[in-house]
């Protein structure tokens, strides 16, 4: 028998045993405990043990690999001071009478991965440390250290910290682009705060980008158990190399319902690119083609002579954009980018948001119903714009891209990042946190489109604003 065949038999035997063991445990948990009368003839069952070898082949074990990897996975404890509101505002007498404190401390638990032992760099999820006033990292050997915040990128849910410790262990990083469906992976973290825990499974899918409520997405999907508290932990291959940062599990009943075999991790290559940018300047730069697009539905497909109602049709090309320089035209339909299928305008936006500004991308198009391939560069996507540079009536306001988590909920537009007190924008009623959904200047869906719509100054500028769940119109004077 060939060695590969022996290994497969051993793995099959281990999987079968694990299935029977899990089934037996479920039956024990689901059946109510019942007292049985003692009997002299009652036999005491002998616990079975896993054989050390099958057909002369030693049973595979993850233990040697885990001994190397576990010291590099840490627990992350965050504290945040949250103001406690009362019906009578800040009345100190009311607070004293009813014992209501001015603030309380909210705590949360997550996981992290040491990726640079010399510099003490730890990667985790942004949602683990977001808005935290204090972050404490606990190492596998029990040491507890205060972490220094280095930077974060909410749109990919990556955060970088630094810990001042000696004798650290880092995880080597694999090329996650080589990961294939069916590869074995191991998830390590601190689920539910019970302590460092290991689960295993396979890669169920790669390139997942359709999760609701998340930002730019290129997730690894796995059936390894990922539960609350696993966020920010390591997804490793059987060589003990980091292939992903565990970030989410999907369950229609909510995350506290537990794992159902749908876990997601941020690819290690993407996390490493974000880490390098945060170390270089603290700001993550993204590429853009400089276009507006919309989904291809059945009506558009028929009008453009397409057989399939899929892709993103270009509806506008911004002046001075990378798309214009590459020769893209309004009406072109993007169906793939760098070999990755593009089924919608959201998929095209997601693809751009995960590219560097100096990247070259190969686009597969349909122009006049015929296939065409173009290579285009990308340019820096704007991070924020000063209102006065767009239109004098917006002076004193600054505008930013909508968080991708809001876009995944169906919103499109721009965010009012700040409004200076007493400014023209403030006098016109704009407030920090407003979402500009539409304007009389023209159609737009993002910051670049908003700027392009104001290239020709409109005689009357009316904004449709979303604020606190209600929308209304503001006339800019």
Protein backbone atom coordinates (compact mmCIF):
# COMPACT_ATOMS: atom_id res chain seq x y z
CA UNK A 1 0.00 0.00 0.00
CA UNK A 2 1.36 3.45 -0.94
CA UNK A 3 2.24 5.92 1.90
CA UNK A 4 -0.33 8.45 0.60
CA UNK A 5 -3.05 5.77 0.72
CA UNK A 6 -2.08 4.85 4.27
CA UNK A 7 -2.30 8.51 5.34
CA UNK A 8 -5.75 8.90 3.76
CA UNK A 9 -6.94 5.77 5.57
CA UNK A 10 -5.61 7.13 8.84
CA UNK A 11 -7.32 10.48 8.30
CA UNK A 12 -10.57 8.75 7.38
CA UNK A 13 -10.42 6.65 10.53
CA UNK A 14 -9.78 9.75 12.64
CA UNK A 15 -12.67 11.63 11.00
CA UNK A 16 -15.03 8.67 11.53
CA UNK A 17 -14.06 8.40 15.17
CA UNK A 18 -14.54 12.18 15.64
CA UNK A 19 -18.01 11.98 14.07
CA UNK A 20 -19.10 9.14 16.38
CA UNK A 21 -17.64 10.91 19.41
CA UNK A 22 -19.43 14.17 18.58
CA UNK A 23 -22.73 12.34 18.01
CA UNK A 24 -22.41 10.55 21.33
CA UNK A 25 -21.65 13.80 23.13
CA UNK A 26 -24.66 15.52 21.56
CA UNK A 27 -26.93 12.70 22.70
CA UNK A 28 -25.55 13.00 26.22
CA UNK A 29 -26.17 16.74 26.26
CA UNK A 30 -29.64 16.58 24.76
CA UNK A 31 -31.06 13.77 26.91
CA UNK A 32 -32.12 14.71 30.45
CA UNK A 33 -30.13 13.10 33.25
CA UNK A 34 -31.97 10.10 34.71
CA UNK A 35 -31.22 8.17 37.89
CA UNK A 36 -30.84 4.43 37.46
CA UNK A 37 -31.17 1.91 40.29
CA UNK A 38 -27.90 0.33 41.36
CA UNK A 39 -27.55 -3.32 40.42
CA UNK A 40 -24.87 -5.84 41.17
CA UNK A 41 -25.06 -7.03 37.60
CA UNK A 42 -24.62 -3.54 36.13
CA UNK A 43 -21.40 -3.47 34.13
CA UNK A 44 -19.15 -0.42 34.32
CA UNK A 45 -18.27 0.56 30.76
CA UNK A 46 -14.59 0.89 29.94
CA UNK A 47 -13.67 4.13 28.17
CA UNK A 48 -12.39 3.52 24.66
CA UNK A 49 -9.08 4.96 23.52
CA UNK A 50 -7.90 6.11 20.09
CA UNK A 51 -5.39 3.65 18.64
CA UNK A 52 -1.84 4.93 18.26
CA UNK A 53 -1.63 3.51 14.76
CA UNK A 54 -3.89 2.21 11.98
CA UNK A 55 -2.51 -0.49 9.65
CA UNK A 56 0.97 0.30 10.97
CA UNK A 57 0.69 4.03 10.18
CA UNK A 58 0.94 6.42 13.17
CA UNK A 59 -2.18 8.52 13.75
CA UNK A 60 -1.63 12.11 12.58
CA UNK A 61 -1.47 14.78 15.30
CA UNK A 62 -1.49 18.56 15.27
CA UNK A 63 0.29 18.72 18.63
CA UNK A 64 3.87 19.31 17.34
CA UNK A 65 2.73 22.18 15.12
CA UNK A 66 0.56 23.73 17.83
CA UNK A 67 3.43 23.74 20.32
CA UNK A 68 5.20 26.16 17.97
CA UNK A 69 2.15 28.28 17.13
CA UNK A 70 0.14 28.66 20.37
CA UNK A 71 2.61 31.09 22.04
CA UNK A 72 2.01 33.54 19.17
CA UNK A 73 -1.77 33.79 19.74
CA UNK A 74 -2.84 36.20 22.49
CA UNK A 75 -6.02 37.18 24.32
CA UNK A 76 -7.13 40.80 23.98
CA UNK A 77 -9.09 42.49 26.77
CA UNK A 78 -10.48 45.97 26.13
CA UNK A 79 -12.04 48.56 28.42
CA UNK A 80 -14.15 51.50 27.33
CA UNK A 81 -15.62 54.27 29.45
CA UNK A 82 -19.27 54.73 28.50
CA UNK A 83 -21.27 57.72 29.71
CA UNK A 84 -24.48 56.79 31.56
CA UNK A 85 -27.37 59.04 30.51
CA UNK A 86 -30.29 59.90 32.79
CA UNK A 87 -33.73 61.42 32.16
CA UNK A 88 -32.52 64.58 33.95
CA UNK A 89 -29.26 64.98 32.08
CA UNK A 90 -26.23 65.76 34.22
CA UNK A 91 -28.13 66.83 37.35
CA UNK A 92 -25.67 65.80 40.13
CA UNK A 93 -28.42 65.73 42.81
CA UNK A 94 -30.48 63.27 40.77
CA UNK A 95 -27.43 61.08 40.20
CA UNK A 96 -26.58 61.12 43.90
CA UNK A 97 -30.16 60.38 45.00
CA UNK A 98 -30.51 57.32 42.77
CA UNK A 99 -26.87 56.21 42.78
CA UNK A 100 -26.39 56.65 39.04
CA UNK A 101 -22.70 56.98 38.08
CA UNK A 102 -21.53 59.37 35.38
CA UNK A 103 -19.90 56.55 33.47
CA UNK A 104 -19.45 52.79 33.46
CA UNK A 105 -16.70 50.55 32.17
CA UNK A 106 -17.62 48.29 29.25
CA UNK A 107 -15.32 45.31 28.71
CA UNK A 108 -14.91 42.93 25.80
CA UNK A 109 -12.70 39.99 24.90
CA UNK A 110 -11.05 38.98 21.65
CA UNK A 111 -7.87 37.50 20.26
CA UNK A 112 -4.74 38.65 18.47
CA UNK A 113 -1.72 37.30 16.59
CA UNK A 114 1.94 38.23 17.10
CA UNK A 115 3.39 38.75 13.61
CA UNK A 116 6.69 40.44 14.55
CA UNK A 117 8.45 39.24 17.69
CA UNK A 118 11.28 41.78 17.55
CA UNK A 119 8.99 44.80 17.40
CA UNK A 120 6.13 43.27 19.42
CA UNK A 121 3.56 43.78 16.64
CA UNK A 122 0.13 42.21 17.13
CA UNK A 123 -2.62 42.00 14.50
CA UNK A 124 -6.27 41.81 15.52
CA UNK A 125 -9.70 42.83 14.25
CA UNK A 126 -10.60 46.50 14.37
CA UNK A 127 -13.98 45.69 15.93
CA UNK A 128 -12.15 44.07 18.87
CA UNK A 129 -10.33 47.28 19.88
CA UNK A 130 -12.50 50.00 18.29
CA UNK A 131 -13.19 52.94 20.65
CA UNK A 132 -11.33 51.20 23.49
CA UNK A 133 -9.74 53.41 26.14
CA UNK A 134 -7.43 50.65 27.33
CA UNK A 135 -6.24 47.41 25.74
CA UNK A 136 -4.58 44.63 27.72
CA UNK A 137 -2.90 41.69 25.98
CA UNK A 138 -2.44 38.37 27.77
CA UNK A 139 0.22 36.04 26.38
CA UNK A 140 -0.02 32.27 26.32
CA UNK A 141 2.54 32.10 29.17
CA UNK A 142 0.28 34.23 31.40
CA UNK A 143 2.05 37.58 31.07
CA UNK A 144 -0.36 40.53 30.85
CA UNK A 145 0.79 43.69 29.06
CA UNK A 146 -0.70 47.05 28.12
CA UNK A 147 -0.88 47.41 24.34
CA UNK A 148 -0.04 50.51 22.35
CA UNK A 149 -2.38 51.33 19.47
CA UNK A 150 -0.49 51.72 16.17
CA UNK A 151 -3.28 52.11 13.62
CA UNK A 152 -6.45 50.64 12.15
CA UNK A 153 -8.46 50.22 8.98
CA UNK A 154 -12.19 49.87 9.73
CA UNK A 155 -13.06 49.02 6.14
CA UNK A 156 -11.06 45.79 6.21
CA UNK A 157 -11.52 45.29 9.99
CA UNK A 158 -7.77 45.19 10.70
CA UNK A 159 -6.02 46.85 13.66
CA UNK A 160 -2.34 46.87 14.62
CA UNK A 161 -0.97 47.06 18.17
CA UNK A 162 2.46 46.97 19.78
CA UNK A 163 3.37 45.30 23.09
CA UNK A 164 6.59 45.98 25.05
CA UNK A 165 7.64 42.39 25.75
CA UNK A 166 10.73 40.26 25.43
CA UNK A 167 11.01 36.63 24.35
CA UNK A 168 7.97 36.71 22.07
CA UNK A 169 7.02 34.14 19.46
CA UNK A 170 5.67 35.22 16.07
CA UNK A 171 3.74 33.21 13.50
CA UNK A 172 5.35 32.93 10.05
CA UNK A 173 3.01 34.28 7.36
CA UNK A 174 2.03 32.10 4.39
CA UNK A 175 1.05 33.22 0.90
CA UNK A 176 -2.73 33.10 1.36
CA UNK A 177 -3.26 33.47 -2.40
CA UNK A 178 -2.15 29.83 -2.72
CA UNK A 179 -4.88 28.60 -0.37
CA UNK A 180 -7.28 26.13 -2.01
CA UNK A 181 -10.72 24.81 -1.21
CA UNK A 182 -10.26 21.63 0.81
CA UNK A 183 -6.99 22.65 2.50
CA UNK A 184 -6.91 21.77 6.19
CA UNK A 185 -6.80 24.76 8.55
CA UNK A 186 -6.77 25.33 12.31
CA UNK A 187 -8.43 28.27 14.12
CA UNK A 188 -6.84 29.46 17.38
CA UNK A 189 -8.32 32.05 19.73
CA UNK A 190 -10.17 32.77 22.95
CA UNK A 191 -13.85 31.92 22.28
CA UNK A 192 -16.32 33.13 24.90
CA UNK A 193 -13.35 34.09 27.09
CA UNK A 194 -12.82 30.47 28.21
CA UNK A 195 -9.11 30.54 27.35
CA UNK A 196 -6.93 29.59 24.42
CA UNK A 197 -8.79 27.08 22.25
CA UNK A 198 -8.03 25.20 19.04
CA UNK A 199 -10.56 24.08 16.42
CA UNK A 200 -9.93 22.54 13.02
CA UNK A 201 -11.62 22.21 9.66
CA UNK A 202 -11.10 22.84 5.98
CA UNK A 203 -11.22 25.82 3.65
CA UNK A 204 -14.81 25.88 2.39
CA UNK A 205 -14.38 28.78 -0.06
CA UNK A 206 -12.06 31.65 -0.93
CA UNK A 207 -12.84 35.15 -2.19
CA UNK A 208 -16.16 35.49 -0.33
CA UNK A 209 -17.40 39.08 -0.65
CA UNK A 210 -21.13 39.07 -0.01
CA UNK A 211 -21.44 39.23 3.77
CA UNK A 212 -23.89 41.86 5.06
CA UNK A 213 -22.58 44.58 7.37
CA UNK A 214 -18.86 44.14 6.64
CA UNK A 215 -16.46 46.36 4.68
CA UNK A 216 -14.22 45.54 1.74
CA UNK A 217 -14.29 41.75 1.60
CA UNK A 218 -12.17 38.90 0.30
CA UNK A 219 -12.85 36.35 3.03
CA UNK A 220 -11.60 32.82 3.49
CA UNK A 221 -14.57 30.67 4.50
CA UNK A 222 -13.96 27.72 6.82
CA UNK A 223 -15.98 25.20 8.77
CA UNK A 224 -13.52 25.42 11.69
CA UNK A 225 -15.50 26.70 14.71
CA UNK A 226 -15.22 30.49 15.07
CA UNK A 227 -17.26 31.85 17.96
CA UNK A 228 -17.46 35.19 19.84
CA UNK A 229 -14.00 35.89 21.27
CA UNK A 230 -12.23 34.16 18.36
CA UNK A 231 -12.20 37.48 16.50
CA UNK A 232 -8.64 38.57 15.74
CA UNK A 233 -7.21 35.08 16.28
CA UNK A 234 -5.15 32.99 13.91
CA UNK A 235 -6.19 30.74 11.07
CA UNK A 236 -3.15 28.58 10.28
CA UNK A 237 -2.29 25.81 7.85
CA UNK A 238 -0.84 22.45 8.85
CA UNK A 239 2.68 23.90 8.61
CA UNK A 240 1.84 26.37 11.38
CA UNK A 241 1.83 29.35 9.02
CA UNK A 242 -0.70 32.19 9.25
CA UNK A 243 -3.19 32.13 6.38
CA UNK A 244 -5.88 34.38 7.87
CA UNK A 245 -7.16 36.51 10.74
CA UNK A 246 -10.42 35.09 12.09
CA UNK A 247 -13.05 37.78 11.95
CA UNK A 248 -16.64 36.57 11.85
CA UNK A 249 -19.07 33.69 11.98
CA UNK A 250 -22.43 33.65 10.28
CA UNK A 251 -25.57 32.47 12.02
CA UNK A 252 -29.12 33.64 11.21
CA UNK A 253 -29.92 33.35 14.94
CA UNK A 254 -27.07 35.66 15.93
CA UNK A 255 -23.46 35.10 16.92
CA UNK A 256 -24.31 34.01 20.46
CA UNK A 257 -26.20 31.02 19.04
CA UNK A 258 -22.85 29.41 18.36
CA UNK A 259 -20.99 28.03 15.39
CA UNK A 260 -22.78 26.36 12.46
CA UNK A 261 -19.75 25.83 10.25
CA UNK A 262 -19.71 29.23 8.53
CA UNK A 263 -16.61 31.04 9.71
CA UNK A 264 -14.73 33.79 7.88
CA UNK A 265 -11.15 35.03 8.01
CA UNK A 266 -9.28 37.94 6.43
CA UNK A 267 -6.53 36.58 4.14
CA UNK A 268 -3.03 36.95 5.57
CA UNK A 269 -1.77 38.71 2.42
CA UNK A 270 -4.41 41.42 2.78
CA UNK A 271 -3.76 41.79 6.53
CA UNK A 272 -0.02 42.10 5.86
CA UNK A 273 -0.54 44.83 3.24
CA UNK A 274 -2.69 46.80 5.68
CA UNK A 275 -0.08 46.30 8.44
CA UNK A 276 2.72 47.60 6.22
CA UNK A 277 0.74 50.72 5.29
CA UNK A 278 -0.15 51.44 8.92
CA UNK A 279 3.51 51.15 9.88
CA UNK A 280 4.62 53.34 6.98
CA UNK A 281 2.30 56.27 7.54
CA UNK A 282 -0.71 55.30 9.59
CA UNK A 283 -3.03 55.76 6.58
CA UNK A 284 -4.35 53.05 4.29
CA UNK A 285 -4.38 54.08 0.63
CA UNK A 286 -6.73 52.47 -1.86
CA UNK A 287 -6.91 52.44 -5.60
CA UNK A 288 -9.81 53.52 -7.77
CA UNK A 289 -10.64 53.49 -11.46
CA UNK A 290 -12.56 56.76 -11.11
CA UNK A 291 -15.94 55.58 -12.38
CA UNK A 292 -19.58 55.28 -11.44
CA UNK A 293 -21.30 51.99 -12.26
CA UNK A 294 -24.54 50.12 -11.72
CA UNK A 295 -25.76 46.53 -11.80
CA UNK A 296 -26.63 44.95 -15.13
CA UNK A 297 -30.24 43.82 -14.90
CA UNK A 298 -32.29 42.02 -17.54
CA UNK A 299 -33.45 45.29 -19.16
CA UNK A 300 -29.90 46.70 -19.42
CA UNK A 301 -28.55 43.35 -20.65
CA UNK A 302 -31.12 43.29 -23.47
CA UNK A 303 -30.37 46.89 -24.42
CA UNK A 304 -26.62 46.22 -24.56
CA UNK A 305 -26.98 42.96 -26.44
CA UNK A 306 -25.72 40.77 -23.59
CA UNK A 307 -26.73 37.16 -23.08
CA UNK A 308 -26.30 37.26 -19.28
CA UNK A 309 -27.67 39.82 -16.81
CA UNK A 310 -24.47 40.12 -14.79
CA UNK A 311 -21.61 42.58 -14.42
CA UNK A 312 -21.18 46.29 -13.69
CA UNK A 313 -22.02 48.77 -16.44
CA UNK A 314 -20.00 52.01 -16.40
CA UNK A 315 -22.33 55.02 -16.19
CA UNK A 316 -19.77 57.80 -15.73
CA UNK A 317 -16.01 58.29 -16.05
CA UNK A 318 -14.54 61.05 -13.91
CA UNK A 319 -12.25 63.64 -15.55
CA UNK A 320 -8.55 62.81 -15.11
CA UNK A 321 -9.31 59.28 -13.91
CA UNK A 322 -7.36 56.07 -14.44
CA UNK A 323 -10.34 54.63 -16.34
CA UNK A 324 -10.30 57.49 -18.81
CA UNK A 325 -6.56 57.11 -19.38
CA UNK A 326 -7.00 53.37 -20.00
CA UNK A 327 -9.67 53.91 -22.65
CA UNK A 328 -12.74 52.75 -20.76
CA UNK A 329 -16.04 54.14 -22.03
CA UNK A 330 -19.51 54.76 -20.66
CA UNK A 331 -21.58 51.67 -21.50
CA UNK A 332 -18.71 49.23 -21.06
CA UNK A 333 -19.68 46.27 -18.87
CA UNK A 334 -17.02 44.90 -16.52
CA UNK A 335 -17.52 41.13 -16.09
CA UNK A 336 -14.14 40.20 -14.53
CA UNK A 337 -11.09 41.86 -12.96
CA UNK A 338 -7.74 40.06 -12.63
CA UNK A 339 -9.62 36.85 -13.39
CA UNK A 340 -12.12 37.42 -10.57
CA UNK A 341 -15.79 37.41 -11.69
CA UNK A 342 -17.57 40.76 -11.32
CA UNK A 343 -21.30 40.16 -10.99
CA UNK A 344 -22.43 43.58 -9.74
CA UNK A 345 -21.42 47.19 -9.15
CA UNK A 346 -20.78 46.34 -5.49
CA UNK A 347 -18.39 43.57 -6.50
CA UNK A 348 -16.46 46.01 -8.71
CA UNK A 349 -16.26 48.56 -5.93
CA UNK A 350 -15.12 45.87 -3.50
CA UNK A 351 -12.41 44.76 -5.94
CA UNK A 352 -11.07 48.31 -6.32
CA UNK A 353 -11.07 48.92 -2.58
CA UNK A 354 -8.73 45.98 -2.00
CA UNK A 355 -6.13 47.18 -4.54
CA UNK A 356 -3.16 49.48 -4.02
CA UNK A 357 -3.23 52.86 -5.81
CA UNK A 358 -0.32 51.90 -8.09
CA UNK A 359 -1.73 48.47 -9.02
CA UNK A 360 -2.32 47.35 -12.59
CA UNK A 361 -5.58 45.51 -13.20
CA UNK A 362 -6.75 43.45 -16.16
CA UNK A 363 -10.41 44.07 -16.94
CA UNK A 364 -12.60 41.79 -19.02
CA UNK A 365 -15.32 43.87 -20.68
CA UNK A 366 -18.29 43.65 -22.96
CA UNK A 367 -18.38 46.59 -25.38
CA UNK A 368 -21.22 46.70 -27.88
CA UNK A 369 -21.91 43.09 -26.89
CA UNK A 370 -18.40 41.91 -27.83
CA UNK A 371 -15.64 40.74 -25.47
CA UNK A 372 -12.70 43.09 -24.88
CA UNK A 373 -9.75 43.05 -22.48
CA UNK A 374 -8.06 46.22 -21.17
CA UNK A 375 -5.25 46.82 -18.70
CA UNK A 376 -5.73 49.86 -16.47
CA UNK A 377 -3.77 51.50 -13.71
CA UNK A 378 -5.43 52.79 -10.54
CA UNK A 379 -5.15 56.10 -8.74
CA UNK A 380 -5.54 57.17 -5.13
CA UNK A 381 -9.13 57.10 -3.92
CA UNK A 382 -9.87 60.36 -2.06
CA UNK A 383 -10.07 59.95 1.71
CA UNK A 384 -11.72 63.29 2.56
CA UNK A 385 -12.66 66.52 0.79
CA UNK A 386 -12.90 70.07 2.07
CA UNK A 387 -16.35 71.52 1.43
CA UNK A 388 -15.02 74.97 0.50
CA UNK A 389 -13.05 73.42 -2.37
CA UNK A 390 -16.22 71.83 -3.71
CA UNK A 391 -18.66 74.72 -3.32
CA UNK A 392 -18.51 77.88 -1.19
CA UNK A 393 -21.93 77.02 0.30
CA UNK A 394 -20.35 73.91 1.87
CA UNK A 395 -17.55 75.88 3.51
CA UNK A 396 -16.56 74.63 6.97
CA UNK A 397 -17.65 71.04 6.32
CA UNK A 398 -15.46 68.09 5.41
CA UNK A 399 -16.74 65.03 3.58
CA UNK A 400 -15.53 61.41 3.62
CA UNK A 401 -16.43 58.09 2.08
CA UNK A 402 -19.24 56.18 3.74
CA UNK A 403 -17.98 53.30 5.89
CA UNK A 404 -18.26 50.12 3.87
CA UNK A 405 -20.37 48.58 6.63
CA UNK A 406 -23.07 51.18 5.86
CA UNK A 407 -22.78 50.51 2.14
CA UNK A 408 -23.38 46.81 2.79
CA UNK A 409 -26.66 47.88 4.39
CA UNK A 410 -27.77 49.50 1.13
CA UNK A 411 -26.71 53.13 1.65
CA UNK A 412 -24.86 55.16 -0.98
CA UNK A 413 -23.51 58.67 -0.73
CA UNK A 414 -20.95 60.54 1.39
CA UNK A 415 -20.47 61.15 5.09
CA UNK A 416 -20.25 64.59 6.68
CA UNK A 417 -17.08 63.99 8.68
CA UNK A 418 -16.97 67.33 10.49
CA UNK A 419 -18.62 70.76 10.54
CA UNK A 420 -16.89 73.80 12.01
CA UNK A 421 -18.95 75.80 14.46
CA UNK A 422 -20.28 79.03 12.96
CA UNK A 423 -19.26 78.05 9.42
CA UNK A 424 -21.44 78.54 6.37
CA UNK A 425 -22.19 74.81 6.26
CA UNK A 426 -23.25 74.89 9.92
CA UNK A 427 -25.51 77.89 9.30
CA UNK A 428 -27.08 75.94 6.44
CA UNK A 429 -27.96 73.14 8.87
CA UNK A 430 -25.33 70.49 8.12
CA UNK A 431 -24.20 68.44 11.12
CA UNK A 432 -21.39 66.03 11.77
CA UNK A 433 -22.51 62.44 11.03
CA UNK A 434 -25.06 63.42 8.37
CA UNK A 435 -25.14 61.18 5.30
CA UNK A 436 -25.61 63.02 1.99
CA UNK A 437 -27.75 60.68 -0.10
CA UNK A 438 -28.40 62.93 -3.11
CA UNK A 439 -27.92 66.48 -4.35
CA UNK A 440 -29.40 68.77 -6.98
CA UNK A 441 -25.90 68.96 -8.52
CA UNK A 442 -26.26 65.48 -10.03
CA UNK A 443 -26.08 61.77 -9.34
CA UNK A 444 -23.30 60.28 -7.21
CA UNK A 445 -22.70 57.22 -5.06
CA UNK A 446 -19.36 57.99 -3.44
CA UNK A 447 -16.89 60.77 -2.67
CA UNK A 448 -15.39 60.87 -6.16
CA UNK A 449 -18.84 61.11 -7.70
CA UNK A 450 -19.85 63.85 -5.25
CA UNK A 451 -16.83 65.91 -6.30
CA UNK A 452 -17.55 65.29 -9.99
CA UNK A 453 -21.20 66.35 -9.58
CA UNK A 454 -20.04 69.72 -8.26
CA UNK A 455 -17.52 70.32 -11.05
CA UNK A 456 -20.10 72.67 -12.60
CA UNK A 457 -21.44 74.94 -9.86
CA UNK A 458 -25.24 74.53 -9.64
CA UNK A 459 -27.37 77.63 -9.31
CA UNK A 460 -29.33 76.05 -6.46
CA UNK A 461 -27.78 73.43 -4.20
CA UNK A 462 -30.20 71.18 -2.31
CA UNK A 463 -28.97 68.18 -0.35
CA UNK A 464 -31.01 65.16 0.72
CA UNK A 465 -29.67 64.26 4.14
CA UNK A 466 -30.08 61.16 6.32
CA UNK A 467 -29.86 61.95 10.04
CA UNK A 468 -30.81 59.64 12.88
CA UNK A 469 -32.83 57.32 10.67
CA UNK A 470 -34.90 60.13 9.08
CA UNK A 471 -34.19 61.91 5.79
CA UNK A 472 -34.92 65.46 4.77
CA UNK A 473 -33.77 68.24 2.48
CA UNK A 474 -31.39 71.11 3.19
CA UNK A 475 -31.07 74.21 0.99
CA UNK A 476 -27.48 75.43 0.91
CA UNK A 477 -27.44 79.23 0.77
